[in-house]
């Protein structure tokens, strides 16, 4: 009786391990919120939205990184 082991890594698994696209997506959501608030409400809207958007981005990044 012989035993065989699959020692090769799958190509798709290695490609997903190295790509930081969720982090870039969280940053783009943050920047989109700031741009839309700035275009809609001007500088007061940008200032009012900046802190909640930054907190939301940090929570989203924590969710992405920790899984």
PDB file of N, CA and C in Angstrom:
ATOM      1  N   UNK A   1       0.835  -1.175   0.000  1.00  0.00           N
ATOM      2  CA  UNK A   1       0.000   0.000   0.000  1.00  0.00           C
ATOM      3  C   UNK A   1       0.886   1.246   0.000  1.00  0.00           C
ATOM      4  N   UNK A   2       0.656   2.104  -0.941  1.00  0.00           N
ATOM      5  CA  UNK A   2       1.489   3.315  -1.003  1.00  0.00           C
ATOM      6  C   UNK A   2       0.638   4.531  -0.630  1.00  0.00           C
ATOM      7  N   UNK A   3       1.310   5.489  -0.052  1.00  0.00           N
ATOM      8  CA  UNK A   3       0.633   6.718   0.366  1.00  0.00           C
ATOM      9  C   UNK A   3       1.146   7.875  -0.473  1.00  0.00           C
ATOM     10  N   UNK A   4       0.241   8.668  -0.991  1.00  0.00           N
ATOM     11  CA  UNK A   4       0.648   9.833  -1.779  1.00  0.00           C
ATOM     12  C   UNK A   4       0.146  11.081  -1.084  1.00  0.00           C
ATOM     13  N   UNK A   5       0.938  12.133  -1.151  1.00  0.00           N
ATOM     14  CA  UNK A   5       0.579  13.406  -0.551  1.00  0.00           C
ATOM     15  C   UNK A   5       0.584  14.484  -1.622  1.00  0.00           C
ATOM     16  N   UNK A   6      -0.367  15.355  -1.540  1.00  0.00           N
ATOM     17  CA  UNK A   6      -0.417  16.484  -2.458  1.00  0.00           C
ATOM     18  C   UNK A   6       0.413  17.618  -1.852  1.00  0.00           C
ATOM     19  N   UNK A   7       1.629  17.767  -2.340  1.00  0.00           N
ATOM     20  CA  UNK A   7       2.521  18.783  -1.780  1.00  0.00           C
ATOM     21  C   UNK A   7       2.552  20.051  -2.604  1.00  0.00           C
ATOM     22  N   UNK A   8       1.844  20.083  -3.709  1.00  0.00           N
ATOM     23  CA  UNK A   8       1.849  21.286  -4.551  1.00  0.00           C
ATOM     24  C   UNK A   8       0.808  22.267  -4.050  1.00  0.00           C
ATOM     25  N   UNK A   9       1.176  23.540  -4.099  1.00  0.00           N
ATOM     26  CA  UNK A   9       0.216  24.578  -3.730  1.00  0.00           C
ATOM     27  C   UNK A   9      -0.565  24.974  -4.965  1.00  0.00           C
ATOM     28  N   UNK A  10      -1.798  25.282  -4.774  1.00  0.00           N
ATOM     29  CA  UNK A  10      -2.637  25.665  -5.891  1.00  0.00           C
ATOM     30  C   UNK A  10      -2.320  27.095  -6.307  1.00  0.00           C
ATOM     31  N   UNK A  11      -2.405  27.354  -7.585  1.00  0.00           N
ATOM     32  CA  UNK A  11      -2.048  28.668  -8.122  1.00  0.00           C
ATOM     33  C   UNK A  11      -2.992  29.733  -7.583  1.00  0.00           C
ATOM     34  N   UNK A  12      -4.257  29.447  -7.505  1.00  0.00           N
ATOM     35  CA  UNK A  12      -5.235  30.430  -7.031  1.00  0.00           C
ATOM     36  C   UNK A  12      -4.986  30.790  -5.562  1.00  0.00           C
ATOM     37  N   UNK A  13      -4.599  29.847  -4.755  1.00  0.00           N
ATOM     38  CA  UNK A  13      -4.351  30.106  -3.338  1.00  0.00           C
ATOM     39  C   UNK A  13      -3.153  31.040  -3.160  1.00  0.00           C
ATOM     40  N   UNK A  14      -2.094  30.840  -3.928  1.00  0.00           N
ATOM     41  CA  UNK A  14      -0.920  31.707  -3.785  1.00  0.00           C
ATOM     42  C   UNK A  14      -1.212  33.107  -4.286  1.00  0.00           C
ATOM     43  N   UNK A  15      -2.053  33.247  -5.288  1.00  0.00           N
ATOM     44  CA  UNK A  15      -2.371  34.573  -5.805  1.00  0.00           C
ATOM     45  C   UNK A  15      -3.210  35.364  -4.803  1.00  0.00           C
ATOM     46  N   UNK A  16      -4.078  34.701  -4.075  1.00  0.00           N
ATOM     47  CA  UNK A  16      -4.915  35.405  -3.115  1.00  0.00           C
ATOM     48  C   UNK A  16      -4.154  35.789  -1.855  1.00  0.00           C
ATOM     49  N   UNK A  17      -3.115  35.069  -1.517  1.00  0.00           N
ATOM     50  CA  UNK A  17      -2.372  35.370  -0.298  1.00  0.00           C
ATOM     51  C   UNK A  17      -1.600  36.678  -0.393  1.00  0.00           C
ATOM     52  N   UNK A  18      -1.161  37.056  -1.589  1.00  0.00           N
ATOM     53  CA  UNK A  18      -0.283  38.203  -1.741  1.00  0.00           C
ATOM     54  C   UNK A  18      -0.986  39.478  -2.180  1.00  0.00           C
ATOM     55  N   UNK A  19      -2.257  39.426  -2.477  1.00  0.00           N
ATOM     56  CA  UNK A  19      -2.938  40.594  -3.023  1.00  0.00           C
ATOM     57  C   UNK A  19      -3.612  41.393  -1.907  1.00  0.00           C
ATOM     58  N   UNK A  20      -3.246  42.675  -1.752  1.00  0.00           N
ATOM     59  CA  UNK A  20      -3.854  43.506  -0.701  1.00  0.00           C
ATOM     60  C   UNK A  20      -5.068  44.287  -1.194  1.00  0.00           C
ATOM     61  N   UNK A  21      -5.843  43.737  -2.134  1.00  0.00           N
ATOM     62  CA  UNK A  21      -6.940  44.507  -2.708  1.00  0.00           C
ATOM     63  C   UNK A  21      -8.017  44.893  -1.704  1.00  0.00           C
ATOM     64  N   UNK A  22      -8.314  44.126  -0.643  1.00  0.00           N
ATOM     65  CA  UNK A  22      -9.335  44.599   0.307  1.00  0.00           C
ATOM     66  C   UNK A  22      -8.911  45.866   1.040  1.00  0.00           C
ATOM     67  N   UNK A  23      -7.614  45.990   1.307  1.00  0.00           N
ATOM     68  CA  UNK A  23      -7.138  47.196   1.985  1.00  0.00           C
ATOM     69  C   UNK A  23      -7.272  48.395   1.065  1.00  0.00           C
ATOM     70  N   UNK A  24      -6.930  48.233  -0.202  1.00  0.00           N
ATOM     71  CA  UNK A  24      -7.093  49.336  -1.153  1.00  0.00           C
ATOM     72  C   UNK A  24      -8.572  49.672  -1.342  1.00  0.00           C
ATOM     73  N   UNK A  25      -9.440  48.682  -1.301  1.00  0.00           N
ATOM     74  CA  UNK A  25     -10.877  48.947  -1.427  1.00  0.00           C
ATOM     75  C   UNK A  25     -11.382  49.765  -0.241  1.00  0.00           C
ATOM     76  N   UNK A  26     -10.903  49.465   0.965  1.00  0.00           N
ATOM     77  CA  UNK A  26     -11.310  50.246   2.141  1.00  0.00           C
ATOM     78  C   UNK A  26     -10.826  51.683   2.030  1.00  0.00           C
ATOM     79  N   UNK A  27      -9.614  51.874   1.534  1.00  0.00           N
ATOM     80  CA  UNK A  27      -9.108  53.238   1.348  1.00  0.00           C
ATOM     81  C   UNK A  27      -9.905  53.995   0.289  1.00  0.00           C
ATOM     82  N   UNK A  28     -10.298  53.306  -0.768  1.00  0.00           N
ATOM     83  CA  UNK A  28     -11.071  53.975  -1.823  1.00  0.00           C
ATOM     84  C   UNK A  28     -12.471  54.351  -1.339  1.00  0.00           C
ATOM     85  N   UNK A  29     -13.067  53.521  -0.502  1.00  0.00           N
ATOM     86  CA  UNK A  29     -14.373  53.877   0.065  1.00  0.00           C
ATOM     87  C   UNK A  29     -14.244  55.137   0.915  1.00  0.00           C
ATOM     88  N   UNK A  30     -13.197  55.204   1.721  1.00  0.00           N
ATOM     89  CA  UNK A  30     -12.936  56.384   2.554  1.00  0.00           C
ATOM     90  C   UNK A  30     -12.762  57.633   1.686  1.00  0.00           C
ATOM     91  N   UNK A  31     -11.952  57.528   0.646  1.00  0.00           N
ATOM     92  CA  UNK A  31     -11.722  58.689  -0.222  1.00  0.00           C
ATOM     93  C   UNK A  31     -12.982  59.087  -0.988  1.00  0.00           C
ATOM     94  N   UNK A  32     -13.769  58.114  -1.410  1.00  0.00           N
ATOM     95  CA  UNK A  32     -15.020  58.432  -2.112  1.00  0.00           C
ATOM     96  C   UNK A  32     -15.997  59.170  -1.207  1.00  0.00           C
ATOM     97  N   UNK A  33     -16.083  58.762   0.034  1.00  0.00           N
ATOM     98  CA  UNK A  33     -16.973  59.452   0.977  1.00  0.00           C
ATOM     99  C   UNK A  33     -16.527  60.896   1.166  1.00  0.00           C
ATOM    100  N   UNK A  34     -15.212  61.104   1.304  1.00  0.00           N
ATOM    101  CA  UNK A  34     -14.710  62.467   1.486  1.00  0.00           C
ATOM    102  C   UNK A  34     -14.949  63.324   0.251  1.00  0.00           C
ATOM    103  N   UNK A  35     -14.719  62.780  -0.918  1.00  0.00           N
ATOM    104  CA  UNK A  35     -14.910  63.553  -2.155  1.00  0.00           C
ATOM    105  C   UNK A  35     -16.376  63.895  -2.357  1.00  0.00           C
ATOM    106  N   UNK A  36     -17.262  62.946  -2.143  1.00  0.00           N
ATOM    107  CA  UNK A  36     -18.698  63.215  -2.333  1.00  0.00           C
ATOM    108  C   UNK A  36     -19.190  64.249  -1.328  1.00  0.00           C
ATOM    109  N   UNK A  37     -18.740  64.142  -0.071  1.00  0.00           N
ATOM    110  CA  UNK A  37     -19.149  65.128   0.932  1.00  0.00           C
ATOM    111  C   UNK A  37     -18.601  66.502   0.598  1.00  0.00           C
ATOM    112  N   UNK A  38     -17.358  66.552   0.130  1.00  0.00           N
ATOM    113  CA  UNK A  38     -16.775  67.840  -0.243  1.00  0.00           C
ATOM    114  C   UNK A  38     -17.448  68.464  -1.443  1.00  0.00           C
ATOM    115  N   UNK A  39     -17.824  67.667  -2.417  1.00  0.00           N
ATOM    116  CA  UNK A  39     -18.492  68.211  -3.607  1.00  0.00           C
ATOM    117  C   UNK A  39     -19.925  68.627  -3.299  1.00  0.00           C
ATOM    118  N   UNK A  40     -20.589  67.924  -2.397  1.00  0.00           N
ATOM    119  CA  UNK A  40     -21.991  68.211  -2.108  1.00  0.00           C
ATOM    120  C   UNK A  40     -22.155  69.368  -1.131  1.00  0.00           C
ATOM    121  N   UNK A  41     -21.409  69.323  -0.021  1.00  0.00           N
ATOM    122  CA  UNK A  41     -21.615  70.301   1.047  1.00  0.00           C
ATOM    123  C   UNK A  41     -20.467  71.275   1.219  1.00  0.00           C
ATOM    124  N   UNK A  42     -19.424  71.145   0.436  1.00  0.00           N
ATOM    125  CA  UNK A  42     -18.292  72.044   0.551  1.00  0.00           C
ATOM    126  C   UNK A  42     -17.397  71.694   1.733  1.00  0.00           C
ATOM    127  N   UNK A  43     -16.626  72.663   2.181  1.00  0.00           N
ATOM    128  CA  UNK A  43     -15.671  72.435   3.257  1.00  0.00           C
ATOM    129  C   UNK A  43     -16.331  72.050   4.583  1.00  0.00           C
ATOM    130  N   UNK A  44     -17.444  72.662   4.984  1.00  0.00           N
ATOM    131  CA  UNK A  44     -18.074  72.214   6.242  1.00  0.00           C
ATOM    132  C   UNK A  44     -18.535  70.757   6.192  1.00  0.00           C
ATOM    133  N   UNK A  45     -19.038  70.318   5.064  1.00  0.00           N
ATOM    134  CA  UNK A  45     -19.446  68.923   4.915  1.00  0.00           C
ATOM    135  C   UNK A  45     -18.262  67.982   4.953  1.00  0.00           C
ATOM    136  N   UNK A  46     -17.156  68.408   4.359  1.00  0.00           N
ATOM    137  CA  UNK A  46     -15.948  67.594   4.378  1.00  0.00           C
ATOM    138  C   UNK A  46     -15.428  67.415   5.797  1.00  0.00           C
ATOM    139  N   UNK A  47     -15.418  68.495   6.554  1.00  0.00           N
ATOM    140  CA  UNK A  47     -14.942  68.432   7.930  1.00  0.00           C
ATOM    141  C   UNK A  47     -15.884  67.592   8.791  1.00  0.00           C
ATOM    142  N   UNK A  48     -17.188  67.725   8.563  1.00  0.00           N
ATOM    143  CA  UNK A  48     -18.164  66.988   9.368  1.00  0.00           C
ATOM    144  C   UNK A  48     -18.120  65.481   9.100  1.00  0.00           C
ATOM    145  N   UNK A  49     -17.746  65.095   7.903  1.00  0.00           N
ATOM    146  CA  UNK A  49     -17.770  63.682   7.531  1.00  0.00           C
ATOM    147  C   UNK A  49     -16.422  63.016   7.765  1.00  0.00           C
ATOM    148  N   UNK A  50     -15.356  63.784   7.899  1.00  0.00           N
ATOM    149  CA  UNK A  50     -14.013  63.220   7.936  1.00  0.00           C
ATOM    150  C   UNK A  50     -13.799  62.258   9.110  1.00  0.00           C
ATOM    151  N   UNK A  51     -14.180  62.625  10.309  1.00  0.00           N
ATOM    152  CA  UNK A  51     -13.934  61.773  11.478  1.00  0.00           C
ATOM    153  C   UNK A  51     -14.767  60.487  11.433  1.00  0.00           C
ATOM    154  N   UNK A  52     -16.082  60.551  11.173  1.00  0.00           N
ATOM    155  CA  UNK A  52     -16.823  59.273  11.087  1.00  0.00           C
ATOM    156  C   UNK A  52     -16.342  58.384   9.945  1.00  0.00           C
ATOM    157  N   UNK A  53     -15.935  58.983   8.822  1.00  0.00           N
ATOM    158  CA  UNK A  53     -15.433  58.166   7.716  1.00  0.00           C
ATOM    159  C   UNK A  53     -14.114  57.514   8.084  1.00  0.00           C
ATOM    160  N   UNK A  54     -13.251  58.223   8.805  1.00  0.00           N
ATOM    161  CA  UNK A  54     -11.971  57.642   9.219  1.00  0.00           C
ATOM    162  C   UNK A  54     -12.191  56.503  10.215  1.00  0.00           C
ATOM    163  N   UNK A  55     -13.109  56.680  11.137  1.00  0.00           N
ATOM    164  CA  UNK A  55     -13.411  55.614  12.100  1.00  0.00           C
ATOM    165  C   UNK A  55     -13.997  54.400  11.375  1.00  0.00           C
ATOM    166  N   UNK A  56     -14.881  54.652  10.430  1.00  0.00           N
ATOM    167  CA  UNK A  56     -15.443  53.555   9.637  1.00  0.00           C
ATOM    168  C   UNK A  56     -14.381  52.831   8.830  1.00  0.00           C
ATOM    169  N   UNK A  57     -13.415  53.575   8.273  1.00  0.00           N
ATOM    170  CA  UNK A  57     -12.354  52.947   7.512  1.00  0.00           C
ATOM    171  C   UNK A  57     -11.488  52.075   8.418  1.00  0.00           C
ATOM    172  N   UNK A  58     -11.183  52.544   9.611  1.00  0.00           N
ATOM    173  CA  UNK A  58     -10.372  51.753  10.539  1.00  0.00           C
ATOM    174  C   UNK A  58     -11.108  50.480  10.939  1.00  0.00           C
ATOM    175  N   UNK A  59     -12.411  50.588  11.195  1.00  0.00           N
ATOM    176  CA  UNK A  59     -13.185  49.383  11.543  1.00  0.00           C
ATOM    177  C   UNK A  59     -13.226  48.402  10.376  1.00  0.00           C
ATOM    178  N   UNK A  60     -13.386  48.926   9.164  1.00  0.00           N
ATOM    179  CA  UNK A  60     -13.409  48.067   7.983  1.00  0.00           C
ATOM    180  C   UNK A  60     -12.057  47.389   7.770  1.00  0.00           C
ATOM    181  N   UNK A  61     -10.973  48.123   7.968  1.00  0.00           N
ATOM    182  CA  UNK A  61      -9.644  47.533   7.831  1.00  0.00           C
ATOM    183  C   UNK A  61      -9.403  46.460   8.896  1.00  0.00           C
ATOM    184  N   UNK A  62      -9.856  46.716  10.125  1.00  0.00           N
ATOM    185  CA  UNK A  62      -9.713  45.704  11.180  1.00  0.00           C
ATOM    186  C   UNK A  62     -10.489  44.441  10.832  1.00  0.00           C
ATOM    187  N   UNK A  63     -11.674  44.604  10.270  1.00  0.00           N
ATOM    188  CA  UNK A  63     -12.483  43.458   9.863  1.00  0.00           C
ATOM    189  C   UNK A  63     -11.793  42.687   8.754  1.00  0.00           C
ATOM    190  N   UNK A  64     -11.180  43.395   7.806  1.00  0.00           N
ATOM    191  CA  UNK A  64     -10.507  42.743   6.701  1.00  0.00           C
ATOM    192  C   UNK A  64      -9.264  42.007   7.178  1.00  0.00           C
ATOM    193  N   UNK A  65      -8.470  42.667   7.997  1.00  0.00           N
ATOM    194  CA  UNK A  65      -7.182  42.090   8.391  1.00  0.00           C
ATOM    195  C   UNK A  65      -7.373  40.904   9.349  1.00  0.00           C
ATOM    196  N   UNK A  66      -8.276  41.039  10.314  1.00  0.00           N
ATOM    197  CA  UNK A  66      -8.451  39.955  11.280  1.00  0.00           C
ATOM    198  C   UNK A  66      -9.341  38.829  10.747  1.00  0.00           C
ATOM    199  N   UNK A  67     -10.107  39.107   9.718  1.00  0.00           N
ATOM    200  CA  UNK A  67     -10.908  38.046   9.120  1.00  0.00           C
ATOM    201  C   UNK A  67     -12.220  38.005   9.751  1.00  0.00           C
TER     202      UNK A  67
END
